[in-house]
C-alpha cells in the first residue's frame, strides 16, 4: 500500500467518510472536523505503521493542514 493509499484509507475510516470524497486539498481540521484527539490518533497510527518508520515532530504536525500536506510530510521523512 502506498503512502497516499494508506493516508486516504486511514482518514476515510477515522472520519467515516467515503474515500472518494477526500482530495489532496481536503483540510484536516476545517473539512474533516478533526479535533486534537483525532489528530493525535492519526499521528499515532502513522507512526506505528512499520512501513513508514517515521516520527512526527511538532513542526511536521503544524505543517500538515491538508491531506496533501500530511502525505508530503511523510514522504519527505520516509
C-alpha atoms as a PDB file:
ATOM      1  CA  UNK A   1       0.000   0.000   0.000  1.00  0.00           C
ATOM      2  CA  UNK A   2       1.380   3.400  -0.915  1.00  0.00           C
ATOM      3  CA  UNK A   3       1.589   6.319   1.495  1.00  0.00           C
ATOM      4  CA  UNK A   4      -1.200   8.035  -0.444  1.00  0.00           C
ATOM      5  CA  UNK A   5      -3.469   4.977  -0.235  1.00  0.00           C
ATOM      6  CA  UNK A   6      -2.731   4.427   3.451  1.00  0.00           C
ATOM      7  CA  UNK A   7      -3.462   8.049   4.425  1.00  0.00           C
ATOM      8  CA  UNK A   8      -6.676   8.167   2.388  1.00  0.00           C
ATOM      9  CA  UNK A   9      -7.827   4.848   3.867  1.00  0.00           C
ATOM     10  CA  UNK A  10      -6.921   5.937   7.399  1.00  0.00           C
ATOM     11  CA  UNK A  11      -8.752   9.253   7.111  1.00  0.00           C
ATOM     12  CA  UNK A  12     -11.844   7.775   5.467  1.00  0.00           C
ATOM     13  CA  UNK A  13     -12.071   5.223   8.281  1.00  0.00           C
ATOM     14  CA  UNK A  14     -11.259   7.715  11.050  1.00  0.00           C
ATOM     15  CA  UNK A  15     -13.914  10.188   9.908  1.00  0.00           C
ATOM     16  CA  UNK A  16     -16.374   7.660   8.472  1.00  0.00           C
ATOM     17  CA  UNK A  17     -16.463   9.256   5.036  1.00  0.00           C
ATOM     18  CA  UNK A  18     -16.256   7.902   1.511  1.00  0.00           C
ATOM     19  CA  UNK A  19     -12.654   7.730   0.316  1.00  0.00           C
ATOM     20  CA  UNK A  20     -13.774   9.346  -2.974  1.00  0.00           C
ATOM     21  CA  UNK A  21     -14.746  12.476  -1.025  1.00  0.00           C
ATOM     22  CA  UNK A  22     -11.121  13.053   0.016  1.00  0.00           C
ATOM     23  CA  UNK A  23      -8.717  15.095  -2.084  1.00  0.00           C
ATOM     24  CA  UNK A  24      -5.196  16.324  -1.524  1.00  0.00           C
ATOM     25  CA  UNK A  25      -6.727  19.740  -0.813  1.00  0.00           C
ATOM     26  CA  UNK A  26      -9.089  18.451   1.918  1.00  0.00           C
ATOM     27  CA  UNK A  27      -8.377  20.396   5.116  1.00  0.00           C
ATOM     28  CA  UNK A  28      -7.984  18.086   8.077  1.00  0.00           C
ATOM     29  CA  UNK A  29      -9.481  20.385  10.700  1.00  0.00           C
ATOM     30  CA  UNK A  30     -11.893  22.536   8.709  1.00  0.00           C
ATOM     31  CA  UNK A  31     -13.238  19.981   6.202  1.00  0.00           C
ATOM     32  CA  UNK A  32     -12.997  16.772   8.224  1.00  0.00           C
ATOM     33  CA  UNK A  33     -13.795  18.357  11.576  1.00  0.00           C
ATOM     34  CA  UNK A  34     -10.727  16.884  13.264  1.00  0.00           C
ATOM     35  CA  UNK A  35     -10.069  17.875  16.838  1.00  0.00           C
ATOM     36  CA  UNK A  36      -6.878  17.494  18.870  1.00  0.00           C
ATOM     37  CA  UNK A  37      -7.698  13.901  19.830  1.00  0.00           C
ATOM     38  CA  UNK A  38      -8.347  12.976  16.183  1.00  0.00           C
ATOM     39  CA  UNK A  39      -5.011  14.456  15.152  1.00  0.00           C
ATOM     40  CA  UNK A  40      -3.166  12.543  17.869  1.00  0.00           C
ATOM     41  CA  UNK A  41      -4.870   9.311  16.778  1.00  0.00           C
ATOM     42  CA  UNK A  42      -3.916   9.928  13.137  1.00  0.00           C
ATOM     43  CA  UNK A  43      -0.293  10.641  14.076  1.00  0.00           C
ATOM     44  CA  UNK A  44      -0.188   7.596  16.363  1.00  0.00           C
ATOM     45  CA  UNK A  45      -1.471   5.349  13.557  1.00  0.00           C
ATOM     46  CA  UNK A  46       1.014   6.800  11.061  1.00  0.00           C
ATOM     47  CA  UNK A  47       3.966   6.496  13.439  1.00  0.00           C
ATOM     48  CA  UNK A  48       3.071   2.889  14.200  1.00  0.00           C
ATOM     49  CA  UNK A  49       2.782   1.880  10.557  1.00  0.00           C
ATOM     50  CA  UNK A  50       6.003  -0.129  10.289  1.00  0.00           C
ATOM     51  CA  UNK A  51       6.441   0.536   6.567  1.00  0.00           C
ATOM     52  CA  UNK A  52       6.756   4.293   7.139  1.00  0.00           C
ATOM     53  CA  UNK A  53       9.290   4.383  10.002  1.00  0.00           C
ATOM     54  CA  UNK A  54       8.509   8.000  10.865  1.00  0.00           C
ATOM     55  CA  UNK A  55       8.198  10.124  13.992  1.00  0.00           C
ATOM     56  CA  UNK A  56       6.283  13.370  13.698  1.00  0.00           C
ATOM     57  CA  UNK A  57       7.789  16.493  15.200  1.00  0.00           C
ATOM     58  CA  UNK A  58       5.558  19.339  16.376  1.00  0.00           C
ATOM     59  CA  UNK A  59       6.619  21.307  13.301  1.00  0.00           C
ATOM     60  CA  UNK A  60       5.583  18.475  10.968  1.00  0.00           C
ATOM     61  CA  UNK A  61       2.172  18.312  12.611  1.00  0.00           C
ATOM     62  CA  UNK A  62       1.726  22.080  12.303  1.00  0.00           C
ATOM     63  CA  UNK A  63       2.630  21.943   8.587  1.00  0.00           C
ATOM     64  CA  UNK A  64       0.047  19.212   7.922  1.00  0.00           C
ATOM     65  CA  UNK A  65      -3.034  21.341   7.291  1.00  0.00           C
ATOM     66  CA  UNK A  66      -4.375  19.367   4.321  1.00  0.00           C
ATOM     67  CA  UNK A  67      -4.335  15.720   3.317  1.00  0.00           C
ATOM     68  CA  UNK A  68      -1.696  16.594   0.710  1.00  0.00           C
ATOM     69  CA  UNK A  69       0.447  18.340   3.335  1.00  0.00           C
ATOM     70  CA  UNK A  70       0.259  15.253   5.541  1.00  0.00           C
ATOM     71  CA  UNK A  71       1.314  12.959   2.702  1.00  0.00           C
ATOM     72  CA  UNK A  72       4.156  15.351   1.793  1.00  0.00           C
ATOM     73  CA  UNK A  73       5.473  15.354   5.394  1.00  0.00           C
ATOM     74  CA  UNK A  74       5.513  11.547   5.438  1.00  0.00           C
ATOM     75  CA  UNK A  75       7.169  11.396   2.019  1.00  0.00           C
ATOM     76  CA  UNK A  76       9.890  13.887   2.990  1.00  0.00           C
ATOM     77  CA  UNK A  77      10.756  11.915   6.121  1.00  0.00           C
ATOM     78  CA  UNK A  78      10.316   8.421   4.689  1.00  0.00           C
END
